Amino acid sequence: MTAPPSPQPTILIVEDDASIRDYLALGFGYEGFRVLHAASGSQALELFWREQPGVVVLDVGLPGLDGFAVLRAIRERSQVPAIMLTARDGVDDRIHGLQLGADDYLVKPFHFGELVARVQAILRRSQPEQGRALWYADLSLDTHLREATRGGRQLDLTPRATDLLAVLLRHPERALSKALLLDSVWGPEFMGDDNIVEVYVRQLRRALGEPELIQTVRGAGYALRLRA
């Protein structure tokens, strides 16, 4: 039996640059988040109080109310996790953001994979009660102990195969592209061939056994799903 799915996390992206905002919204959507986005500080606060997101990614350089003012207003009533983005690399700006209550700080330009990792890290720290087990059908993975089992049988997986399995388990039944898997598991700076994804998918399939759980979705990538 599959364990009850965890609630889809909601992220509020506050960024006045439309290209960056759209890129982040698309990327976090692929990562399984419900995405809200705002182009100004006032719009961000309106969305925040109405939707109550679980995490905020907040640009400092906003028109009108800047990111510092938005964070100050949020912290008057909420301790929701917040990561600040800025083109400013001065230490004083970073100290100011952290003193206002930011949980983390990332300087532009940044790699999307690093931002996702930081968001996931602060969500784990702020919501430890959510547990650490990922489930699908008779397959489970303890993300802290990094131990996987299927049908009660412990699986012998390499560290990289475990990372790949975790990504698939976080998005069950959804087709994930090779590019997304490569970025999520190997990181955006990986310079090798994306065929490495196929190698590890084959490794996982052998380890998981039958019936097959990792399906090839033609033209879309791979999905963790039972065949109909």
C-alpha atoms as a PDB file:
ATOM      1  CA  MET A   1       0.000   0.000   0.000  1.00  0.00           C
ATOM      2  CA  THR A   2       1.241   3.481  -0.826  1.00  0.00           C
ATOM      3  CA  ALA A   3       1.696   5.840   2.109  1.00  0.00           C
ATOM      4  CA  PRO A   4      -0.470   8.988   2.079  1.00  0.00           C
ATOM      5  CA  PRO A   5       1.180  11.642  -0.108  1.00  0.00           C
ATOM      6  CA  SER A   6       2.736  14.596   1.679  1.00  0.00           C
ATOM      7  CA  PRO A   7       1.114  17.982   1.006  1.00  0.00           C
ATOM      8  CA  GLN A   8       2.447  19.794  -2.035  1.00  0.00           C
ATOM      9  CA  PRO A   9       4.646  22.629  -0.715  1.00  0.00           C
ATOM     10  CA  THR A  10       3.706  26.141  -1.823  1.00  0.00           C
ATOM     11  CA  ILE A  11       6.477  28.551  -2.743  1.00  0.00           C
ATOM     12  CA  LEU A  12       6.138  32.298  -3.299  1.00  0.00           C
ATOM     13  CA  ILE A  13       8.682  33.702  -5.761  1.00  0.00           C
ATOM     14  CA  VAL A  14       9.104  37.473  -5.579  1.00  0.00           C
ATOM     15  CA  GLU A  15      11.184  38.796  -8.493  1.00  0.00           C
ATOM     16  CA  ASP A  16      10.670  41.843 -10.727  1.00  0.00           C
ATOM     17  CA  ASP A  17      12.719  40.453 -13.645  1.00  0.00           C
ATOM     18  CA  ALA A  18      10.122  38.574 -15.697  1.00  0.00           C
ATOM     19  CA  SER A  19      12.596  36.180 -17.320  1.00  0.00           C
ATOM     20  CA  ILE A  20      14.071  35.118 -13.955  1.00  0.00           C
ATOM     21  CA  ARG A  21      10.619  34.924 -12.368  1.00  0.00           C
ATOM     22  CA  ASP A  22       9.250  32.713 -15.149  1.00  0.00           C
ATOM     23  CA  TYR A  23      12.355  30.509 -15.095  1.00  0.00           C
ATOM     24  CA  LEU A  24      12.083  29.957 -11.344  1.00  0.00           C
ATOM     25  CA  ALA A  25       8.335  29.347 -11.519  1.00  0.00           C
ATOM     26  CA  LEU A  26       8.804  26.708 -14.217  1.00  0.00           C
ATOM     27  CA  GLY A  27      11.700  25.057 -12.401  1.00  0.00           C
ATOM     28  CA  PHE A  28       9.993  24.850  -9.021  1.00  0.00           C
ATOM     29  CA  GLY A  29       6.863  23.570 -10.731  1.00  0.00           C
ATOM     30  CA  TYR A  30       8.925  20.709 -12.143  1.00  0.00           C
ATOM     31  CA  GLU A  31      10.297  20.106  -8.644  1.00  0.00           C
ATOM     32  CA  GLY A  32       6.780  19.466  -7.365  1.00  0.00           C
ATOM     33  CA  PHE A  33       5.973  22.811  -5.763  1.00  0.00           C
ATOM     34  CA  ARG A  34       2.755  24.770  -6.057  1.00  0.00           C
ATOM     35  CA  VAL A  35       4.126  28.077  -7.308  1.00  0.00           C
ATOM     36  CA  LEU A  36       2.937  31.617  -6.614  1.00  0.00           C
ATOM     37  CA  HIS A  37       4.822  34.572  -8.026  1.00  0.00           C
ATOM     38  CA  ALA A  38       4.856  38.336  -7.636  1.00  0.00           C
ATOM     39  CA  ALA A  39       6.665  41.178  -9.414  1.00  0.00           C
ATOM     40  CA  SER A  40       6.527  43.770  -6.629  1.00  0.00           C
ATOM     41  CA  GLY A  41       6.686  44.000  -2.879  1.00  0.00           C
ATOM     42  CA  SER A  42       3.060  45.062  -2.463  1.00  0.00           C
ATOM     43  CA  GLN A  43       1.833  42.227  -4.686  1.00  0.00           C
ATOM     44  CA  ALA A  44       4.024  39.809  -2.743  1.00  0.00           C
ATOM     45  CA  LEU A  45       2.503  40.781   0.603  1.00  0.00           C
ATOM     46  CA  GLU A  46      -1.026  40.558  -0.773  1.00  0.00           C
ATOM     47  CA  LEU A  47      -0.330  37.033  -2.052  1.00  0.00           C
ATOM     48  CA  PHE A  48       1.490  36.031   1.121  1.00  0.00           C
ATOM     49  CA  TRP A  49      -1.334  36.931   3.497  1.00  0.00           C
ATOM     50  CA  ARG A  50      -3.979  35.396   1.238  1.00  0.00           C
ATOM     51  CA  GLU A  51      -2.220  32.126   0.290  1.00  0.00           C
ATOM     52  CA  GLN A  52       0.082  31.486   3.291  1.00  0.00           C
ATOM     53  CA  PRO A  53       2.941  29.827   1.336  1.00  0.00           C
ATOM     54  CA  GLY A  54       5.344  27.431   3.008  1.00  0.00           C
ATOM     55  CA  VAL A  55       8.506  29.175   1.794  1.00  0.00           C
ATOM     56  CA  VAL A  56       9.416  32.495   0.155  1.00  0.00           C
ATOM     57  CA  VAL A  57      12.157  33.246  -2.371  1.00  0.00           C
ATOM     58  CA  LEU A  58      12.553  37.002  -2.212  1.00  0.00           C
ATOM     59  CA  ASP A  59      14.560  39.334  -4.434  1.00  0.00           C
ATOM     60  CA  VAL A  60      16.024  42.367  -2.654  1.00  0.00           C
ATOM     61  CA  GLY A  61      15.851  44.845  -5.564  1.00  0.00           C
ATOM     62  CA  LEU A  62      12.086  45.247  -6.020  1.00  0.00           C
ATOM     63  CA  PRO A  63      10.188  48.319  -7.224  1.00  0.00           C
ATOM     64  CA  GLY A  64       8.413  50.190  -4.434  1.00  0.00           C
ATOM     65  CA  LEU A  65       8.790  48.088  -1.306  1.00  0.00           C
ATOM     66  CA  ASP A  66      12.176  46.384  -1.571  1.00  0.00           C
ATOM     67  CA  GLY A  67      12.874  42.865  -0.379  1.00  0.00           C
ATOM     68  CA  PHE A  68      14.085  44.025   3.016  1.00  0.00           C
ATOM     69  CA  ALA A  69      10.797  45.879   3.628  1.00  0.00           C
ATOM     70  CA  VAL A  70       8.776  42.857   2.501  1.00  0.00           C
ATOM     71  CA  LEU A  71      10.694  40.542   4.815  1.00  0.00           C
ATOM     72  CA  ARG A  72      10.302  42.983   7.705  1.00  0.00           C
ATOM     73  CA  ALA A  73       6.513  43.022   7.172  1.00  0.00           C
ATOM     74  CA  ILE A  74       6.365  39.208   6.975  1.00  0.00           C
ATOM     75  CA  ARG A  75       8.420  38.772  10.123  1.00  0.00           C
ATOM     76  CA  GLU A  76       6.016  40.940  12.111  1.00  0.00           C
ATOM     77  CA  ARG A  77       3.453  38.113  11.857  1.00  0.00           C
ATOM     78  CA  SER A  78       5.123  34.989  10.464  1.00  0.00           C
ATOM     79  CA  GLN A  79       8.280  32.903  10.732  1.00  0.00           C
ATOM     80  CA  VAL A  80       7.819  31.237   7.338  1.00  0.00           C
ATOM     81  CA  PRO A  81      11.185  30.229   5.817  1.00  0.00           C
ATOM     82  CA  ALA A  82      12.611  32.849   3.441  1.00  0.00           C
ATOM     83  CA  ILE A  83      15.600  32.930   1.098  1.00  0.00           C
ATOM     84  CA  MET A  84      16.766  36.281  -0.257  1.00  0.00           C
ATOM     85  CA  LEU A  85      18.154  36.767  -3.756  1.00  0.00           C
ATOM     86  CA  THR A  86      20.278  39.750  -4.603  1.00  0.00           C
ATOM     87  CA  ALA A  87      22.728  41.153  -7.114  1.00  0.00           C
ATOM     88  CA  ARG A  88      24.419  42.872  -4.185  1.00  0.00           C
ATOM     89  CA  ASP A  89      27.389  40.939  -2.888  1.00  0.00           C
ATOM     90  CA  GLY A  90      28.273  43.298  -0.052  1.00  0.00           C
ATOM     91  CA  VAL A  91      28.634  41.719   3.370  1.00  0.00           C
ATOM     92  CA  ASP A  92      26.572  44.500   4.974  1.00  0.00           C
ATOM     93  CA  ASP A  93      23.564  43.694   2.783  1.00  0.00           C
ATOM     94  CA  ARG A  94      23.786  40.012   3.642  1.00  0.00           C
ATOM     95  CA  ILE A  95      24.071  40.780   7.357  1.00  0.00           C
ATOM     96  CA  HIS A  96      21.084  43.121   7.112  1.00  0.00           C
ATOM     97  CA  GLY A  97      18.923  40.456   5.449  1.00  0.00           C
ATOM     98  CA  LEU A  98      19.881  37.822   7.995  1.00  0.00           C
ATOM     99  CA  GLN A  99      19.279  40.224  10.888  1.00  0.00           C
ATOM    100  CA  LEU A 100      15.780  40.864   9.543  1.00  0.00           C
ATOM    101  CA  GLY A 101      15.109  37.138   9.711  1.00  0.00           C
ATOM    102  CA  ALA A 102      16.104  35.667   6.361  1.00  0.00           C
ATOM    103  CA  ASP A 103      16.933  31.970   6.614  1.00  0.00           C
ATOM    104  CA  ASP A 104      19.416  32.038   3.752  1.00  0.00           C
ATOM    105  CA  TYR A 105      20.930  34.393   1.183  1.00  0.00           C
ATOM    106  CA  LEU A 106      21.949  33.716  -2.420  1.00  0.00           C
ATOM    107  CA  VAL A 107      23.837  36.136  -4.670  1.00  0.00           C
ATOM    108  CA  LYS A 108      23.010  36.407  -8.389  1.00  0.00           C
ATOM    109  CA  PRO A 109      23.947  34.817 -10.691  1.00  0.00           C
ATOM    110  CA  PHE A 110      23.184  31.483  -9.043  1.00  0.00           C
ATOM    111  CA  HIS A 111      22.574  27.908 -10.153  1.00  0.00           C
ATOM    112  CA  PHE A 112      18.978  26.749  -9.953  1.00  0.00           C
ATOM    113  CA  GLY A 113      20.040  23.403  -8.485  1.00  0.00           C
ATOM    114  CA  GLU A 114      21.697  25.180  -5.562  1.00  0.00           C
ATOM    115  CA  LEU A 115      18.584  27.284  -4.923  1.00  0.00           C
ATOM    116  CA  VAL A 116      16.380  24.169  -4.911  1.00  0.00           C
ATOM    117  CA  ALA A 117      18.758  22.439  -2.490  1.00  0.00           C
ATOM    118  CA  ARG A 118      18.695  25.421  -0.147  1.00  0.00           C
ATOM    119  CA  VAL A 119      14.901  25.656  -0.259  1.00  0.00           C
ATOM    120  CA  GLN A 120      14.570  21.935   0.488  1.00  0.00           C
ATOM    121  CA  ALA A 121      17.097  22.226   3.327  1.00  0.00           C
ATOM    122  CA  ILE A 122      15.271  25.041   5.118  1.00  0.00           C
ATOM    123  CA  LEU A 123      11.945  23.247   4.650  1.00  0.00           C
ATOM    124  CA  ARG A 124      13.432  20.144   6.278  1.00  0.00           C
ATOM    125  CA  ARG A 125      14.760  22.208   9.171  1.00  0.00           C
ATOM    126  CA  SER A 126      11.472  24.033   9.684  1.00  0.00           C
ATOM    127  CA  GLN A 127       9.231  20.963   9.331  1.00  0.00           C
ATOM    128  CA  PRO A 128      11.062  18.015  10.940  1.00  0.00           C
ATOM    129  CA  GLU A 129       7.775  16.405  11.914  1.00  0.00           C
ATOM    130  CA  GLN A 130       7.067  15.543   8.261  1.00  0.00           C
ATOM    131  CA  GLY A 131       9.306  12.494   8.536  1.00  0.00           C
ATOM    132  CA  ARG A 132      11.898  11.087   6.216  1.00  0.00           C
ATOM    133  CA  ALA A 133      10.286   8.175   4.349  1.00  0.00           C
ATOM    134  CA  LEU A 134       9.365   8.247   0.665  1.00  0.00           C
ATOM    135  CA  TRP A 135       6.939   5.596  -0.589  1.00  0.00           C
ATOM    136  CA  TYR A 136       5.486   4.249  -3.808  1.00  0.00           C
ATOM    137  CA  ALA A 137       3.691   0.896  -4.098  1.00  0.00           C
ATOM    138  CA  ASP A 138       5.900  -1.599  -2.167  1.00  0.00           C
ATOM    139  CA  LEU A 139       9.016   0.576  -2.561  1.00  0.00           C
ATOM    140  CA  SER A 140      10.308   2.813   0.239  1.00  0.00           C
ATOM    141  CA  LEU A 141      13.355   4.971   0.898  1.00  0.00           C
ATOM    142  CA  ASP A 142      14.527   6.376   4.215  1.00  0.00           C
ATOM    143  CA  THR A 143      16.189   9.613   3.085  1.00  0.00           C
ATOM    144  CA  HIS A 144      18.148  10.047   6.322  1.00  0.00           C
ATOM    145  CA  LEU A 145      19.518   6.512   6.623  1.00  0.00           C
ATOM    146  CA  ARG A 146      19.605   6.261   2.792  1.00  0.00           C
ATOM    147  CA  GLU A 147      18.177   2.756   2.964  1.00  0.00           C
ATOM    148  CA  ALA A 148      15.742   1.491   0.323  1.00  0.00           C
ATOM    149  CA  THR A 149      13.513  -1.569   0.460  1.00  0.00           C
ATOM    150  CA  ARG A 150      11.053  -3.198  -1.895  1.00  0.00           C
ATOM    151  CA  GLY A 151       8.558  -5.719  -0.625  1.00  0.00           C
ATOM    152  CA  GLY A 152      10.561  -5.943   2.594  1.00  0.00           C
ATOM    153  CA  ARG A 153      13.786  -6.717   0.686  1.00  0.00           C
ATOM    154  CA  GLN A 154      16.657  -4.298   1.318  1.00  0.00           C
ATOM    155  CA  LEU A 155      18.157  -2.905  -1.881  1.00  0.00           C
ATOM    156  CA  ASP A 156      21.889  -2.593  -2.478  1.00  0.00           C
ATOM    157  CA  LEU A 157      22.206   0.809  -4.174  1.00  0.00           C
ATOM    158  CA  THR A 158      25.144   3.067  -4.915  1.00  0.00           C
ATOM    159  CA  PRO A 159      24.961   6.613  -3.483  1.00  0.00           C
ATOM    160  CA  ARG A 160      24.156   8.092  -6.907  1.00  0.00           C
ATOM    161  CA  ALA A 161      21.451   5.504  -7.595  1.00  0.00           C
ATOM    162  CA  THR A 162      19.950   6.351  -4.196  1.00  0.00           C
ATOM    163  CA  ASP A 163      19.878  10.037  -5.133  1.00  0.00           C
ATOM    164  CA  LEU A 164      18.158   9.201  -8.425  1.00  0.00           C
ATOM    165  CA  LEU A 165      15.604   7.007  -6.669  1.00  0.00           C
ATOM    166  CA  ALA A 166      14.829   9.823  -4.224  1.00  0.00           C
ATOM    167  CA  VAL A 167      14.045  12.225  -7.091  1.00  0.00           C
ATOM    168  CA  LEU A 168      11.740   9.682  -8.736  1.00  0.00           C
ATOM    169  CA  LEU A 169       9.988   8.947  -5.443  1.00  0.00           C
ATOM    170  CA  ARG A 170       9.353  12.642  -4.827  1.00  0.00           C
ATOM    171  CA  HIS A 171       7.485  12.844  -8.148  1.00  0.00           C
ATOM    172  CA  PRO A 172       5.691   9.481  -8.502  1.00  0.00           C
ATOM    173  CA  GLU A 173       3.927   8.713 -11.773  1.00  0.00           C
ATOM    174  CA  ARG A 174       5.210  11.921 -13.379  1.00  0.00           C
ATOM    175  CA  ALA A 175       7.501  11.813 -16.413  1.00  0.00           C
ATOM    176  CA  LEU A 176      10.833  13.455 -15.591  1.00  0.00           C
ATOM    177  CA  SER A 177      13.159  14.460 -18.417  1.00  0.00           C
ATOM    178  CA  LYS A 178      16.781  13.342 -18.581  1.00  0.00           C
ATOM    179  CA  ALA A 179      17.807  16.993 -18.316  1.00  0.00           C
ATOM    180  CA  LEU A 180      15.824  17.465 -15.102  1.00  0.00           C
ATOM    181  CA  LEU A 181      17.179  14.241 -13.594  1.00  0.00           C
ATOM    182  CA  LEU A 182      20.710  15.192 -14.578  1.00  0.00           C
ATOM    183  CA  ASP A 183      20.384  18.624 -12.966  1.00  0.00           C
ATOM    184  CA  SER A 184      18.705  17.274  -9.815  1.00  0.00           C
ATOM    185  CA  VAL A 185      21.117  14.386  -9.194  1.00  0.00           C
ATOM    186  CA  TRP A 186      24.438  15.413 -10.749  1.00  0.00           C
ATOM    187  CA  GLY A 187      24.038  19.180 -10.475  1.00  0.00           C
ATOM    188  CA  PRO A 188      23.988  21.983 -13.050  1.00  0.00           C
ATOM    189  CA  GLU A 189      27.781  22.075 -13.324  1.00  0.00           C
ATOM    190  CA  PHE A 190      28.077  18.447 -14.477  1.00  0.00           C
ATOM    191  CA  MET A 191      29.934  18.458 -17.802  1.00  0.00           C
ATOM    192  CA  GLY A 192      29.519  14.807 -18.768  1.00  0.00           C
ATOM    193  CA  ASP A 193      27.146  13.101 -21.197  1.00  0.00           C
ATOM    194  CA  ASP A 194      23.465  12.910 -20.228  1.00  0.00           C
ATOM    195  CA  ASN A 195      23.565   9.193 -21.111  1.00  0.00           C
ATOM    196  CA  ILE A 196      24.791   8.743 -17.553  1.00  0.00           C
ATOM    197  CA  VAL A 197      21.090   8.983 -16.580  1.00  0.00           C
ATOM    198  CA  GLU A 198      20.316   5.903 -18.699  1.00  0.00           C
ATOM    199  CA  VAL A 199      23.156   3.997 -17.042  1.00  0.00           C
ATOM    200  CA  TYR A 200      21.775   4.642 -13.561  1.00  0.00           C
ATOM    201  CA  VAL A 201      18.185   3.996 -14.597  1.00  0.00           C
ATOM    202  CA  ARG A 202      19.291   0.544 -15.786  1.00  0.00           C
ATOM    203  CA  GLN A 203      21.107   0.021 -12.491  1.00  0.00           C
ATOM    204  CA  LEU A 204      17.986   0.953 -10.547  1.00  0.00           C
ATOM    205  CA  ARG A 205      15.760  -1.295 -12.643  1.00  0.00           C
ATOM    206  CA  ARG A 206      18.010  -4.279 -11.936  1.00  0.00           C
ATOM    207  CA  ALA A 207      18.016  -3.528  -8.227  1.00  0.00           C
ATOM    208  CA  LEU A 208      14.251  -3.019  -7.996  1.00  0.00           C
ATOM    209  CA  GLY A 209      13.388  -6.216  -9.827  1.00  0.00           C
ATOM    210  CA  GLU A 210       9.916  -7.179 -11.034  1.00  0.00           C
ATOM    211  CA  PRO A 211       7.336  -5.945 -11.649  1.00  0.00           C
ATOM    212  CA  GLU A 212       9.136  -3.054 -13.302  1.00  0.00           C
ATOM    213  CA  LEU A 213       8.544   0.321 -11.646  1.00  0.00           C
ATOM    214  CA  ILE A 214      10.635   2.728 -13.739  1.00  0.00           C
ATOM    215  CA  GLN A 215       8.947   3.256 -17.087  1.00  0.00           C
ATOM    216  CA  THR A 216      10.385   4.943 -20.164  1.00  0.00           C
ATOM    217  CA  VAL A 217       7.985   7.633 -21.406  1.00  0.00           C
ATOM    218  CA  ARG A 218       8.751   8.189 -25.073  1.00  0.00           C
ATOM    219  CA  GLY A 219       9.830  11.761 -25.746  1.00  0.00           C
ATOM    220  CA  ALA A 220       9.417  12.772 -22.095  1.00  0.00           C
ATOM    221  CA  GLY A 221      11.885  10.813 -19.949  1.00  0.00           C
ATOM    222  CA  TYR A 222      11.271   8.372 -17.104  1.00  0.00           C
ATOM    223  CA  ALA A 223       8.444   7.877 -14.637  1.00  0.00           C
ATOM    224  CA  LEU A 224       8.079   5.847 -11.467  1.00  0.00           C
ATOM    225  CA  ARG A 225       4.789   4.063 -12.101  1.00  0.00           C
ATOM    226  CA  LEU A 226       3.215   0.646 -12.236  1.00  0.00           C
ATOM    227  CA  ARG A 227       2.196  -0.556 -15.680  1.00  0.00           C
ATOM    228  CA  ALA A 228      -1.540  -0.463 -16.267  1.00  0.00           C
END
